[in-house]
């Protein structure tokens, strides 16, 4: 999946990463994995200004619930307050 955060100019790409061992052909391990990129332009060419990768789903933003700061992810969005 892919998500663009226009506020931070961040591109999130996530899915399932499968790792295979060279010496053990029948052994594989799968996990959720996320890549974060900030892309820019320099002299008319696209450039990667920032890259990060980590296990799990994207850490989209920090939210505050009952006075505690937590990370909201796409799999676990912040609860709706009913205000729009």
N, C-alpha and C. Protein backbone atom coordinates (compact mmCIF):
# COMPACT_ATOMS: atom_id res chain seq x y z
N UNK A 1 0.84 -1.17 0.00
CA UNK A 1 0.00 0.00 0.00
C UNK A 1 0.89 1.24 0.00
N UNK A 2 0.29 2.36 -0.34
CA UNK A 2 1.04 3.61 -0.40
C UNK A 2 0.16 4.74 0.12
N UNK A 3 0.79 5.70 0.81
CA UNK A 3 0.08 6.86 1.34
C UNK A 3 1.01 8.06 1.25
N UNK A 4 0.48 9.20 0.80
CA UNK A 4 1.24 10.45 0.75
C UNK A 4 0.68 11.40 1.79
N UNK A 5 1.54 11.89 2.67
CA UNK A 5 1.16 12.86 3.69
C UNK A 5 1.58 14.24 3.19
N UNK A 6 0.62 15.04 2.67
CA UNK A 6 0.99 16.34 2.10
C UNK A 6 1.51 17.33 3.14
N UNK A 7 1.13 17.17 4.41
CA UNK A 7 1.59 18.09 5.45
C UNK A 7 3.10 18.00 5.63
N UNK A 8 3.65 16.78 5.56
CA UNK A 8 5.08 16.56 5.78
C UNK A 8 5.82 16.18 4.51
N UNK A 9 5.14 16.15 3.36
CA UNK A 9 5.73 15.70 2.09
C UNK A 9 6.36 14.32 2.22
N UNK A 10 5.74 13.46 3.01
CA UNK A 10 6.27 12.12 3.28
C UNK A 10 5.47 11.08 2.50
N UNK A 11 6.18 10.14 1.88
CA UNK A 11 5.55 9.02 1.19
C UNK A 11 5.77 7.77 2.03
N UNK A 12 4.69 7.07 2.35
CA UNK A 12 4.75 5.82 3.11
C UNK A 12 4.40 4.67 2.17
N UNK A 13 5.22 3.65 2.16
CA UNK A 13 4.94 2.43 1.40
C UNK A 13 5.09 1.27 2.37
N UNK A 14 4.06 0.41 2.46
CA UNK A 14 4.14 -0.70 3.40
C UNK A 14 3.47 -1.93 2.81
N UNK A 15 3.89 -3.05 3.36
CA UNK A 15 3.37 -4.34 2.91
C UNK A 15 4.05 -5.45 3.68
N UNK A 16 4.09 -6.61 3.06
CA UNK A 16 4.70 -7.78 3.69
C UNK A 16 6.08 -8.02 3.11
N UNK A 17 7.06 -8.10 3.99
CA UNK A 17 8.44 -8.40 3.58
C UNK A 17 8.70 -9.87 3.86
N UNK A 18 9.21 -10.58 2.86
CA UNK A 18 9.54 -11.99 3.02
C UNK A 18 11.05 -12.16 2.95
N UNK A 19 11.62 -12.81 3.96
CA UNK A 19 13.05 -13.05 4.03
C UNK A 19 13.30 -14.54 3.82
N UNK A 20 14.23 -14.84 2.93
CA UNK A 20 14.63 -16.23 2.67
C UNK A 20 16.11 -16.39 3.01
N UNK A 21 16.43 -17.47 3.67
CA UNK A 21 17.82 -17.76 4.00
C UNK A 21 18.48 -18.48 2.83
N UNK A 22 19.71 -18.11 2.50
CA UNK A 22 20.41 -18.69 1.36
C UNK A 22 20.67 -20.17 1.55
N UNK A 23 21.12 -20.56 2.73
CA UNK A 23 21.50 -21.95 2.99
C UNK A 23 20.33 -22.85 3.37
N UNK A 24 19.14 -22.26 3.59
CA UNK A 24 17.96 -23.04 3.98
C UNK A 24 16.83 -22.66 3.01
N UNK A 25 16.73 -23.35 1.88
CA UNK A 25 15.80 -22.93 0.83
C UNK A 25 14.33 -23.01 1.20
N UNK A 26 13.94 -23.89 2.13
CA UNK A 26 12.53 -24.03 2.48
C UNK A 26 12.11 -23.13 3.63
N UNK A 27 13.02 -22.34 4.17
CA UNK A 27 12.71 -21.49 5.33
C UNK A 27 12.48 -20.05 4.88
N UNK A 28 11.30 -19.52 5.16
CA UNK A 28 11.00 -18.12 4.89
C UNK A 28 10.37 -17.51 6.13
N UNK A 29 10.51 -16.20 6.25
CA UNK A 29 9.92 -15.46 7.36
C UNK A 29 9.26 -14.21 6.79
N UNK A 30 8.00 -13.98 7.15
CA UNK A 30 7.27 -12.82 6.65
C UNK A 30 6.93 -11.88 7.80
N UNK A 31 6.97 -10.58 7.52
CA UNK A 31 6.60 -9.58 8.52
C UNK A 31 6.11 -8.32 7.81
N UNK A 32 5.32 -7.52 8.54
CA UNK A 32 4.90 -6.23 7.99
C UNK A 32 6.11 -5.30 7.99
N UNK A 33 6.24 -4.48 6.94
CA UNK A 33 7.41 -3.62 6.80
C UNK A 33 6.99 -2.30 6.18
N UNK A 34 7.60 -1.21 6.61
CA UNK A 34 7.27 0.13 6.13
C UNK A 34 8.52 0.86 5.67
N UNK A 35 8.39 1.57 4.55
CA UNK A 35 9.42 2.49 4.06
C UNK A 35 8.83 3.89 4.09
N UNK A 36 9.62 4.86 4.51
CA UNK A 36 9.24 6.28 4.48
C UNK A 36 10.23 7.02 3.59
N UNK A 37 9.70 7.88 2.72
CA UNK A 37 10.56 8.69 1.85
C UNK A 37 10.07 10.12 1.82
N UNK A 38 11.02 11.04 1.74
CA UNK A 38 10.74 12.43 1.37
C UNK A 38 11.51 12.65 0.07
N UNK A 39 10.78 13.01 -0.97
CA UNK A 39 11.37 13.22 -2.29
C UNK A 39 11.41 14.70 -2.59
N UNK A 40 12.44 15.13 -3.26
CA UNK A 40 12.58 16.53 -3.65
C UNK A 40 13.18 16.64 -5.03
N UNK A 41 13.42 17.86 -5.45
CA UNK A 41 14.02 18.12 -6.76
C UNK A 41 15.29 18.93 -6.56
N UNK A 42 16.30 18.62 -7.37
CA UNK A 42 17.54 19.39 -7.37
C UNK A 42 18.05 19.41 -8.81
N UNK A 43 18.22 20.61 -9.34
CA UNK A 43 18.66 20.79 -10.72
C UNK A 43 17.79 20.01 -11.71
N UNK A 44 16.47 20.00 -11.43
CA UNK A 44 15.54 19.33 -12.33
C UNK A 44 15.49 17.82 -12.22
N UNK A 45 16.18 17.27 -11.22
CA UNK A 45 16.20 15.82 -11.04
C UNK A 45 15.57 15.45 -9.70
N UNK A 46 14.83 14.34 -9.66
CA UNK A 46 14.29 13.91 -8.37
C UNK A 46 15.40 13.40 -7.46
N UNK A 47 15.29 13.75 -6.19
CA UNK A 47 16.27 13.33 -5.18
C UNK A 47 15.54 12.77 -3.97
N UNK A 48 16.16 11.80 -3.34
CA UNK A 48 15.63 11.28 -2.08
C UNK A 48 16.26 12.11 -0.96
N UNK A 49 15.44 12.89 -0.27
CA UNK A 49 15.93 13.75 0.80
C UNK A 49 15.98 13.02 2.14
N UNK A 50 15.13 12.01 2.29
CA UNK A 50 15.06 11.27 3.56
C UNK A 50 14.52 9.88 3.25
N UNK A 51 15.06 8.87 3.91
CA UNK A 51 14.54 7.50 3.81
C UNK A 51 14.66 6.83 5.17
N UNK A 52 13.64 6.06 5.51
CA UNK A 52 13.64 5.30 6.76
C UNK A 52 12.85 4.03 6.51
N UNK A 53 13.20 2.97 7.20
CA UNK A 53 12.44 1.72 7.10
C UNK A 53 12.39 1.08 8.48
N UNK A 54 11.27 0.39 8.74
CA UNK A 54 11.09 -0.25 10.04
C UNK A 54 9.99 -1.30 9.93
N UNK A 55 9.94 -2.19 10.90
CA UNK A 55 8.91 -3.22 10.91
C UNK A 55 7.60 -2.62 11.39
N UNK A 56 6.51 -3.18 10.90
CA UNK A 56 5.18 -2.74 11.30
C UNK A 56 4.55 -1.83 10.26
N UNK A 57 3.45 -1.20 10.67
CA UNK A 57 2.72 -0.29 9.80
C UNK A 57 3.21 1.13 10.01
N UNK A 58 2.86 2.06 9.12
CA UNK A 58 3.38 3.43 9.21
C UNK A 58 3.02 4.14 10.52
N UNK A 59 4.00 4.85 11.06
CA UNK A 59 3.77 5.74 12.20
C UNK A 59 3.34 7.08 11.62
N UNK A 60 2.05 7.23 11.40
CA UNK A 60 1.55 8.38 10.66
C UNK A 60 1.68 9.67 11.46
N UNK A 61 1.22 9.69 12.69
CA UNK A 61 1.29 10.92 13.48
C UNK A 61 1.17 10.59 14.95
N UNK A 62 1.53 11.55 15.76
CA UNK A 62 1.37 11.40 17.19
C UNK A 62 0.03 12.03 17.58
N UNK A 63 -0.69 11.34 18.46
CA UNK A 63 -1.97 11.84 18.94
C UNK A 63 -1.94 11.84 20.46
N UNK A 64 -2.82 12.59 21.06
CA UNK A 64 -2.92 12.62 22.51
C UNK A 64 -4.28 12.07 22.93
N UNK A 65 -4.26 11.03 23.75
CA UNK A 65 -5.48 10.43 24.28
C UNK A 65 -5.36 10.43 25.78
N UNK A 66 -6.30 11.09 26.46
CA UNK A 66 -6.29 11.17 27.92
C UNK A 66 -4.95 11.67 28.45
N UNK A 67 -4.38 12.66 27.77
CA UNK A 67 -3.14 13.27 28.22
C UNK A 67 -1.88 12.49 27.90
N UNK A 68 -2.00 11.34 27.22
CA UNK A 68 -0.84 10.53 26.87
C UNK A 68 -0.63 10.57 25.37
N UNK A 69 0.61 10.84 24.96
CA UNK A 69 0.94 10.88 23.54
C UNK A 69 1.13 9.47 23.02
N UNK A 70 0.46 9.17 21.91
CA UNK A 70 0.55 7.85 21.30
C UNK A 70 0.73 8.01 19.81
N UNK A 71 1.24 6.97 19.15
CA UNK A 71 1.35 6.98 17.70
C UNK A 71 0.09 6.39 17.10
N UNK A 72 -0.47 7.09 16.12
CA UNK A 72 -1.60 6.56 15.38
C UNK A 72 -1.06 5.93 14.11
N UNK A 73 -1.47 4.73 13.81
CA UNK A 73 -1.04 4.06 12.58
C UNK A 73 -2.25 3.81 11.71
N UNK A 74 -2.03 3.44 10.47
CA UNK A 74 -3.15 3.18 9.58
C UNK A 74 -3.94 1.96 10.01
N UNK A 75 -3.31 1.00 10.69
CA UNK A 75 -4.05 -0.17 11.19
C UNK A 75 -4.77 0.14 12.50
N UNK A 76 -4.36 1.20 13.18
CA UNK A 76 -4.94 1.56 14.47
C UNK A 76 -5.17 3.07 14.49
N UNK A 77 -6.17 3.57 13.75
CA UNK A 77 -6.38 5.02 13.67
C UNK A 77 -6.87 5.58 15.00
N UNK A 78 -6.70 6.88 15.20
CA UNK A 78 -7.18 7.49 16.44
C UNK A 78 -8.69 7.41 16.50
N UNK A 79 -9.24 7.31 17.71
CA UNK A 79 -10.70 7.23 17.83
C UNK A 79 -11.35 8.53 17.38
N UNK A 80 -12.52 8.42 16.81
CA UNK A 80 -13.25 9.59 16.33
C UNK A 80 -13.84 10.33 17.52
N UNK A 81 -13.73 11.65 17.49
CA UNK A 81 -14.29 12.46 18.56
C UNK A 81 -15.70 12.92 18.22
N UNK A 82 -16.14 12.68 16.99
CA UNK A 82 -17.46 13.11 16.57
C UNK A 82 -17.47 14.52 16.03
N UNK A 83 -16.38 15.27 16.19
CA UNK A 83 -16.28 16.64 15.66
C UNK A 83 -15.72 16.59 14.25
N UNK A 84 -16.28 17.40 13.37
CA UNK A 84 -15.77 17.46 12.00
C UNK A 84 -15.33 18.85 11.66
